[in-house]
N, C-alpha and C. Protein backbone atom coordinates (compact mmCIF):
# COMPACT_ATOMS: atom_id res chain seq x y z
N MET A 1 -25.08 44.98 -33.86
CA MET A 1 -25.23 44.28 -35.26
C MET A 1 -26.83 44.33 -35.70
N SER A 2 -27.80 44.90 -34.87
CA SER A 2 -28.86 44.57 -35.15
C SER A 2 -29.54 45.24 -36.46
N GLY A 3 -30.51 44.33 -36.97
CA GLY A 3 -31.03 45.13 -38.35
C GLY A 3 -29.98 45.11 -39.43
N ASN A 4 -28.96 45.40 -39.63
CA ASN A 4 -28.39 45.77 -40.91
C ASN A 4 -27.01 45.10 -40.91
N ARG A 5 -26.79 44.02 -40.00
CA ARG A 5 -25.71 43.33 -40.13
C ARG A 5 -25.89 41.75 -39.56
N THR A 6 -25.46 40.82 -40.53
CA THR A 6 -25.34 39.42 -40.23
C THR A 6 -23.99 38.95 -40.03
N PHE A 7 -23.78 37.62 -39.65
CA PHE A 7 -22.56 36.87 -39.79
C PHE A 7 -22.78 35.65 -40.73
N THR A 8 -21.57 35.44 -41.36
CA THR A 8 -21.52 34.15 -42.29
C THR A 8 -20.04 33.73 -41.98
N MET A 9 -20.31 32.32 -42.62
CA MET A 9 -18.85 31.42 -42.47
C MET A 9 -18.97 30.72 -43.88
N ILE A 10 -17.98 30.94 -44.48
CA ILE A 10 -17.87 30.00 -45.73
C ILE A 10 -17.25 28.96 -45.33
N LYS A 11 -17.87 27.37 -45.14
CA LYS A 11 -17.39 26.31 -44.63
C LYS A 11 -16.34 25.47 -45.05
N PRO A 12 -15.55 24.48 -44.58
CA PRO A 12 -14.70 23.59 -45.02
C PRO A 12 -14.87 23.07 -46.56
N ASP A 13 -16.08 22.63 -46.61
CA ASP A 13 -16.11 22.27 -47.85
C ASP A 13 -16.06 23.16 -49.20
N ALA A 14 -16.46 24.35 -48.77
CA ALA A 14 -16.85 25.49 -50.07
C ALA A 14 -14.85 25.99 -50.10
N THR A 15 -14.44 26.18 -48.86
CA THR A 15 -13.23 26.60 -49.03
C THR A 15 -12.01 25.65 -49.66
N THR A 16 -12.19 24.38 -49.27
CA THR A 16 -11.31 23.59 -49.74
C THR A 16 -11.64 23.02 -51.23
N ALA A 17 -12.86 23.41 -51.55
CA ALA A 17 -13.08 23.20 -53.15
C ALA A 17 -12.47 24.17 -54.06
N GLY A 18 -12.30 25.42 -53.43
CA GLY A 18 -11.71 26.88 -54.00
C GLY A 18 -12.65 27.84 -54.47
N ASN A 19 -14.10 27.46 -53.58
CA ASN A 19 -15.06 28.65 -53.89
C ASN A 19 -15.19 29.60 -53.04
N THR A 20 -14.11 29.96 -52.09
CA THR A 20 -14.26 31.33 -51.19
C THR A 20 -14.58 32.30 -52.19
N GLY A 21 -14.02 32.88 -53.04
CA GLY A 21 -13.65 33.93 -54.03
C GLY A 21 -15.16 33.93 -54.89
N LYS A 22 -15.41 32.91 -55.16
CA LYS A 22 -16.75 32.92 -56.19
C LYS A 22 -17.83 33.39 -54.96
N ILE A 23 -17.66 32.84 -53.77
CA ILE A 23 -19.00 32.99 -52.82
C ILE A 23 -18.73 34.43 -52.47
N LEU A 24 -17.57 35.01 -52.38
CA LEU A 24 -17.86 36.35 -51.85
C LEU A 24 -18.31 37.38 -53.18
N ASP A 25 -17.65 36.85 -53.95
CA ASP A 25 -18.15 37.59 -55.25
C ASP A 25 -19.55 37.94 -55.16
N LYS A 26 -20.65 36.64 -55.02
CA LYS A 26 -21.82 36.60 -54.91
C LYS A 26 -22.30 37.43 -53.96
N ILE A 27 -21.67 37.59 -52.85
CA ILE A 27 -22.01 38.31 -51.44
C ILE A 27 -21.97 39.69 -51.82
N ILE A 28 -21.00 40.25 -52.57
CA ILE A 28 -20.85 41.47 -52.69
C ILE A 28 -21.64 41.86 -53.85
N GLU A 29 -21.74 41.19 -55.12
CA GLU A 29 -23.01 41.41 -55.98
C GLU A 29 -24.23 41.50 -55.53
N SER A 30 -24.28 40.90 -54.52
CA SER A 30 -25.67 40.89 -54.01
C SER A 30 -26.16 42.37 -53.16
N GLY A 31 -25.09 42.95 -52.92
CA GLY A 31 -25.02 44.39 -52.26
C GLY A 31 -24.84 44.47 -50.84
N PHE A 32 -24.17 43.20 -50.35
CA PHE A 32 -23.54 43.29 -49.02
C PHE A 32 -22.28 44.00 -49.06
N THR A 33 -21.95 44.66 -47.97
CA THR A 33 -20.52 45.23 -47.71
C THR A 33 -19.98 44.34 -46.66
N ILE A 34 -18.45 43.82 -46.80
CA ILE A 34 -18.12 43.09 -45.87
C ILE A 34 -17.34 44.38 -44.89
N ARG A 35 -17.81 44.00 -43.72
CA ARG A 35 -17.41 44.96 -42.60
C ARG A 35 -16.03 44.22 -41.93
N ALA A 36 -16.01 42.92 -41.70
CA ALA A 36 -15.04 42.27 -40.83
C ALA A 36 -14.86 40.94 -41.66
N MET A 37 -13.38 40.11 -41.98
CA MET A 37 -13.69 39.00 -42.40
C MET A 37 -12.03 38.26 -41.99
N LYS A 38 -12.27 37.03 -42.05
CA LYS A 38 -10.81 36.45 -41.42
C LYS A 38 -10.58 35.04 -42.10
N TRP A 39 -9.66 34.53 -42.47
CA TRP A 39 -9.74 33.10 -42.64
C TRP A 39 -8.55 32.51 -41.32
N THR A 40 -9.63 31.42 -41.29
CA THR A 40 -9.06 30.73 -39.96
C THR A 40 -9.36 29.15 -39.61
N GLN A 41 -8.90 28.61 -39.16
CA GLN A 41 -9.37 27.01 -39.01
C GLN A 41 -9.64 26.90 -37.57
N LEU A 42 -10.89 26.29 -37.20
CA LEU A 42 -11.37 26.12 -35.72
C LEU A 42 -10.79 24.88 -35.04
N SER A 43 -10.50 25.04 -33.91
CA SER A 43 -9.97 24.07 -33.07
C SER A 43 -11.46 23.53 -32.75
N LYS A 44 -11.26 22.00 -32.14
CA LYS A 44 -12.40 21.33 -31.71
C LYS A 44 -13.03 21.98 -30.87
N GLU A 45 -12.26 22.57 -29.68
CA GLU A 45 -12.87 23.19 -28.56
C GLU A 45 -13.68 24.38 -29.20
N ASP A 46 -13.15 25.19 -30.23
CA ASP A 46 -13.81 26.40 -30.48
C ASP A 46 -15.36 26.10 -31.23
N ALA A 47 -15.07 24.99 -32.23
CA ALA A 47 -16.43 24.45 -32.86
C ALA A 47 -17.37 23.82 -31.95
N SER A 48 -16.84 23.20 -30.78
CA SER A 48 -17.86 22.92 -29.88
C SER A 48 -18.45 23.95 -29.34
N ARG A 49 -17.77 25.03 -28.82
CA ARG A 49 -18.42 26.27 -28.36
C ARG A 49 -18.92 26.86 -29.12
N PHE A 50 -18.88 27.06 -30.54
CA PHE A 50 -19.69 27.83 -31.42
C PHE A 50 -20.97 27.16 -31.74
N TYR A 51 -21.03 25.60 -31.73
CA TYR A 51 -22.12 25.11 -32.16
C TYR A 51 -22.67 24.39 -30.49
N GLU A 52 -22.44 24.90 -29.38
CA GLU A 52 -23.09 24.39 -28.13
C GLU A 52 -24.43 24.15 -28.20
N VAL A 53 -25.25 25.52 -28.83
CA VAL A 53 -26.63 25.30 -28.95
C VAL A 53 -26.99 24.04 -29.42
N HIS A 54 -26.58 22.95 -30.17
CA HIS A 54 -26.75 21.97 -30.73
C HIS A 54 -26.28 20.82 -29.91
N LYS A 55 -25.76 20.78 -29.00
CA LYS A 55 -24.91 19.86 -28.36
C LYS A 55 -25.89 18.64 -27.87
N GLU A 56 -27.17 18.57 -27.91
CA GLU A 56 -27.88 17.37 -27.65
C GLU A 56 -28.37 16.90 -28.82
N ARG A 57 -28.14 17.46 -30.17
CA ARG A 57 -28.72 16.70 -31.27
C ARG A 57 -27.66 15.73 -31.67
N PRO A 58 -28.25 14.76 -32.27
CA PRO A 58 -27.55 13.58 -32.96
C PRO A 58 -26.22 14.03 -34.00
N PHE A 59 -26.31 14.98 -34.50
CA PHE A 59 -25.57 15.44 -35.60
C PHE A 59 -24.42 16.03 -34.99
N TYR A 60 -24.01 16.23 -33.45
CA TYR A 60 -23.34 17.45 -33.00
C TYR A 60 -21.89 16.85 -33.20
N GLY A 61 -21.52 15.87 -32.99
CA GLY A 61 -20.35 15.60 -33.22
C GLY A 61 -19.71 15.25 -34.48
N GLU A 62 -20.48 14.85 -35.49
CA GLU A 62 -20.46 15.24 -36.92
C GLU A 62 -20.17 16.51 -37.27
N LEU A 63 -21.00 17.65 -36.65
CA LEU A 63 -20.70 18.83 -37.12
C LEU A 63 -19.51 19.28 -36.70
N VAL A 64 -19.16 19.13 -35.68
CA VAL A 64 -17.84 19.42 -34.95
C VAL A 64 -16.82 19.04 -35.72
N GLU A 65 -16.80 17.67 -36.02
CA GLU A 65 -15.52 16.92 -36.78
C GLU A 65 -15.59 17.72 -38.22
N TYR A 66 -16.76 17.97 -39.09
CA TYR A 66 -16.80 18.61 -40.38
C TYR A 66 -16.05 20.09 -39.69
N MET A 67 -16.36 21.08 -39.31
CA MET A 67 -16.13 22.26 -39.14
C MET A 67 -14.71 22.32 -38.66
N THR A 68 -14.25 21.58 -38.24
CA THR A 68 -12.76 21.40 -38.20
C THR A 68 -11.78 20.71 -39.17
N SER A 69 -12.55 20.23 -40.20
CA SER A 69 -11.65 19.57 -41.09
C SER A 69 -11.16 20.47 -42.22
N GLY A 70 -11.40 21.89 -41.98
CA GLY A 70 -10.52 22.82 -43.25
C GLY A 70 -10.67 23.73 -42.61
N PRO A 71 -10.12 24.96 -43.34
CA PRO A 71 -10.19 26.19 -43.27
C PRO A 71 -11.63 26.88 -43.26
N ILE A 72 -11.92 27.92 -42.70
CA ILE A 72 -13.26 28.47 -42.63
C ILE A 72 -12.97 30.05 -43.01
N VAL A 73 -13.99 30.72 -43.62
CA VAL A 73 -13.84 32.09 -43.66
C VAL A 73 -15.09 32.72 -43.07
N ALA A 74 -14.94 33.25 -41.91
CA ALA A 74 -15.71 34.28 -40.96
C ALA A 74 -15.70 35.65 -41.41
N ALA A 75 -17.18 36.40 -41.44
CA ALA A 75 -17.32 37.58 -42.17
C ALA A 75 -18.56 38.03 -41.27
N ILE A 76 -18.53 39.61 -41.19
CA ILE A 76 -19.81 40.32 -40.87
C ILE A 76 -20.12 41.26 -41.93
N LEU A 77 -21.53 40.88 -42.29
CA LEU A 77 -21.80 41.70 -43.60
C LEU A 77 -22.92 42.66 -42.99
N GLU A 78 -22.86 43.31 -43.95
CA GLU A 78 -23.67 44.45 -43.79
C GLU A 78 -24.78 44.89 -45.01
N LYS A 79 -25.90 45.13 -45.06
CA LYS A 79 -26.85 45.48 -45.84
C LYS A 79 -28.11 45.58 -45.09
N GLU A 80 -29.01 46.68 -45.54
CA GLU A 80 -30.33 46.72 -45.04
C GLU A 80 -30.91 45.17 -44.85
N ASN A 81 -31.80 45.28 -43.60
CA ASN A 81 -32.28 43.79 -43.33
C ASN A 81 -31.70 42.49 -43.64
N ALA A 82 -30.48 42.77 -43.19
CA ALA A 82 -29.25 41.66 -43.48
C ALA A 82 -29.54 40.34 -43.09
N VAL A 83 -30.15 40.00 -42.18
CA VAL A 83 -30.05 38.72 -41.69
C VAL A 83 -31.30 38.22 -42.81
N GLU A 84 -32.37 38.81 -43.12
CA GLU A 84 -33.33 38.06 -44.09
C GLU A 84 -32.71 37.78 -45.30
N ALA A 85 -31.92 38.85 -45.90
CA ALA A 85 -31.54 39.03 -47.12
C ALA A 85 -30.33 38.14 -47.28
N PHE A 86 -29.49 37.89 -46.00
CA PHE A 86 -28.48 36.62 -46.41
C PHE A 86 -29.31 35.28 -46.50
N ARG A 87 -30.34 35.26 -45.67
CA ARG A 87 -30.89 33.81 -45.61
C ARG A 87 -31.20 33.37 -46.92
N ASN A 88 -31.91 34.58 -47.64
CA ASN A 88 -32.25 34.47 -49.05
C ASN A 88 -31.43 34.26 -50.22
N LEU A 89 -30.16 34.81 -49.89
CA LEU A 89 -29.18 35.06 -51.03
C LEU A 89 -28.69 33.17 -50.56
N ILE A 90 -28.35 32.63 -49.50
CA ILE A 90 -27.80 31.36 -49.36
C ILE A 90 -28.60 30.02 -49.74
N GLY A 91 -30.32 30.40 -49.49
CA GLY A 91 -30.86 29.24 -49.85
C GLY A 91 -31.15 28.67 -48.79
N ALA A 92 -31.69 27.41 -49.29
CA ALA A 92 -32.08 25.98 -48.26
C ALA A 92 -31.04 25.38 -47.84
N THR A 93 -31.24 24.89 -46.80
CA THR A 93 -29.80 24.37 -46.11
C THR A 93 -29.90 22.87 -46.77
N ASP A 94 -30.44 22.21 -47.45
CA ASP A 94 -30.72 21.17 -48.43
C ASP A 94 -30.52 21.73 -49.82
N PRO A 95 -29.32 21.70 -50.44
CA PRO A 95 -29.00 22.23 -51.60
C PRO A 95 -30.04 21.98 -52.93
N SER A 96 -30.71 20.47 -52.73
CA SER A 96 -31.49 20.11 -53.66
C SER A 96 -32.77 20.55 -53.66
N LYS A 97 -33.18 21.37 -52.63
CA LYS A 97 -34.28 22.35 -52.15
C LYS A 97 -34.04 23.84 -52.55
N ALA A 98 -32.96 23.79 -52.52
CA ALA A 98 -32.61 25.56 -52.53
C ALA A 98 -32.55 26.03 -54.17
N GLU A 99 -33.12 27.09 -54.26
CA GLU A 99 -33.65 28.21 -55.43
C GLU A 99 -32.51 28.39 -56.25
N GLU A 100 -32.57 28.16 -57.41
CA GLU A 100 -31.60 28.72 -58.61
C GLU A 100 -31.01 30.00 -58.35
N GLY A 101 -29.67 29.84 -58.39
CA GLY A 101 -29.33 31.20 -58.03
C GLY A 101 -28.66 31.46 -56.72
N THR A 102 -29.14 30.37 -55.77
CA THR A 102 -28.72 30.67 -54.32
C THR A 102 -27.43 30.08 -54.30
N ILE A 103 -26.56 30.61 -53.07
CA ILE A 103 -25.32 30.22 -52.88
C ILE A 103 -25.22 28.31 -52.57
N ARG A 104 -26.21 28.17 -52.09
CA ARG A 104 -26.32 26.65 -51.36
C ARG A 104 -26.53 25.94 -52.70
N LYS A 105 -27.39 26.13 -53.81
CA LYS A 105 -27.72 25.74 -55.01
C LYS A 105 -26.45 25.72 -55.81
N MET A 106 -25.50 26.48 -55.85
CA MET A 106 -24.66 26.82 -56.75
C MET A 106 -23.18 25.99 -56.00
N PHE A 107 -23.01 25.91 -54.67
CA PHE A 107 -21.84 25.49 -53.96
C PHE A 107 -22.17 24.46 -53.17
N ALA A 108 -23.14 24.09 -52.54
CA ALA A 108 -23.33 23.10 -51.54
C ALA A 108 -23.08 21.49 -52.33
N LYS A 109 -22.42 20.66 -51.25
CA LYS A 109 -22.54 19.28 -51.56
C LYS A 109 -23.69 18.51 -51.26
N SER A 110 -24.09 19.15 -49.80
CA SER A 110 -25.17 18.06 -49.18
C SER A 110 -25.75 18.87 -48.08
N ILE A 111 -26.65 18.48 -47.51
CA ILE A 111 -27.14 19.14 -46.45
C ILE A 111 -26.30 19.34 -45.31
N ALA A 112 -25.35 18.46 -44.99
CA ALA A 112 -24.13 18.48 -44.18
C ALA A 112 -23.05 19.54 -44.65
N ALA A 113 -22.83 19.47 -45.59
CA ALA A 113 -21.82 20.03 -46.22
C ALA A 113 -22.49 21.52 -47.38
N ASN A 114 -22.83 22.20 -46.86
CA ASN A 114 -23.69 23.05 -47.52
C ASN A 114 -23.33 24.65 -47.38
N ALA A 115 -22.02 24.61 -47.54
CA ALA A 115 -20.96 25.81 -48.39
C ALA A 115 -20.88 27.05 -47.26
N VAL A 116 -22.23 27.49 -46.70
CA VAL A 116 -22.19 28.49 -45.76
C VAL A 116 -22.88 28.28 -44.65
N HIS A 117 -22.78 29.20 -43.66
CA HIS A 117 -23.53 29.28 -42.58
C HIS A 117 -23.99 30.93 -42.77
N GLY A 118 -25.27 31.17 -42.04
CA GLY A 118 -25.91 32.32 -42.07
C GLY A 118 -26.73 32.40 -41.13
N SER A 119 -26.51 33.64 -39.98
CA SER A 119 -27.35 33.51 -38.87
C SER A 119 -28.63 33.56 -38.90
N ASP A 120 -29.42 33.34 -38.01
CA ASP A 120 -31.02 33.15 -38.29
C ASP A 120 -31.78 34.16 -37.48
N SER A 121 -30.70 35.06 -36.72
CA SER A 121 -31.59 36.00 -36.28
C SER A 121 -30.65 37.30 -36.10
N ASP A 122 -30.84 38.66 -35.63
CA ASP A 122 -30.19 39.72 -35.20
C ASP A 122 -29.14 39.40 -34.20
N GLU A 123 -29.97 38.58 -33.09
CA GLU A 123 -29.39 38.37 -31.81
C GLU A 123 -28.26 37.39 -31.93
N ASN A 124 -28.42 36.17 -32.64
CA ASN A 124 -27.36 35.42 -33.19
C ASN A 124 -26.54 35.88 -34.16
N ALA A 125 -26.96 36.51 -34.81
CA ALA A 125 -25.78 37.72 -35.83
C ALA A 125 -24.92 38.29 -34.86
N ALA A 126 -25.26 39.01 -33.94
CA ALA A 126 -24.36 39.57 -32.54
C ALA A 126 -23.08 38.73 -32.17
N ILE A 127 -24.23 37.61 -31.52
CA ILE A 127 -23.36 36.79 -30.76
C ILE A 127 -22.45 35.94 -31.54
N GLU A 128 -22.67 35.40 -32.79
CA GLU A 128 -21.81 34.74 -33.61
C GLU A 128 -20.76 35.84 -34.17
N GLY A 129 -21.01 36.78 -34.32
CA GLY A 129 -19.88 37.81 -34.97
C GLY A 129 -18.91 38.17 -33.79
N ALA A 130 -19.38 38.27 -32.55
CA ALA A 130 -18.69 38.67 -31.20
C ALA A 130 -17.65 37.43 -31.12
N PHE A 131 -18.15 36.12 -31.40
CA PHE A 131 -17.25 35.12 -31.11
C PHE A 131 -16.08 34.88 -32.12
N PHE A 132 -16.04 35.50 -33.39
CA PHE A 132 -14.89 35.78 -33.95
C PHE A 132 -14.03 37.02 -34.21
N PHE A 133 -14.86 38.05 -33.76
CA PHE A 133 -14.18 39.42 -33.81
C PHE A 133 -14.52 40.44 -32.97
N SER A 134 -13.40 41.09 -32.44
CA SER A 134 -13.47 41.83 -31.43
C SER A 134 -14.32 43.16 -31.76
N SER A 135 -14.35 43.97 -30.85
CA SER A 135 -15.27 45.07 -31.37
C SER A 135 -14.80 46.11 -32.32
N ARG A 136 -13.25 46.15 -32.03
CA ARG A 136 -12.62 46.77 -32.77
C ARG A 136 -12.44 46.51 -34.42
N GLU A 137 -12.51 45.09 -34.37
CA GLU A 137 -12.67 44.45 -35.85
C GLU A 137 -13.98 44.59 -36.62
N GLN A 138 -14.97 45.03 -35.70
CA GLN A 138 -16.57 45.03 -36.37
C GLN A 138 -16.78 46.46 -36.91
N ALA A 139 -15.80 47.46 -36.66
CA ALA A 139 -16.29 48.73 -37.05
C ALA A 139 -16.83 49.24 -38.11
């Protein structure tokens, strides 16, 4: 996935609020191609494994609870310089600090319920994409 692919999740706050289509439209309008996508619900075991990097942080338990509270949409996106381009599109984690027109400014409810996840590096994009999609699904 290096360079031109990234991973995203539309989080439970956004899917349950009915914003999935609007967020996908914004992604596509921004020049990304969706290479793989699925609507699913994380089990506590899956969410615990996905966010294991945060296991020692005080918010870990709340994060796992939140990410299992409703459905998510996982997707692999493609565009030149995908990780940086997508991070710019989604905006700051705190929606009150996110720039106008970013996904989090438009759809996030709070720092915790921030509508979308975006990989922070090419390496993590590959790891996170492989968590949700087989190599055949990532074609």
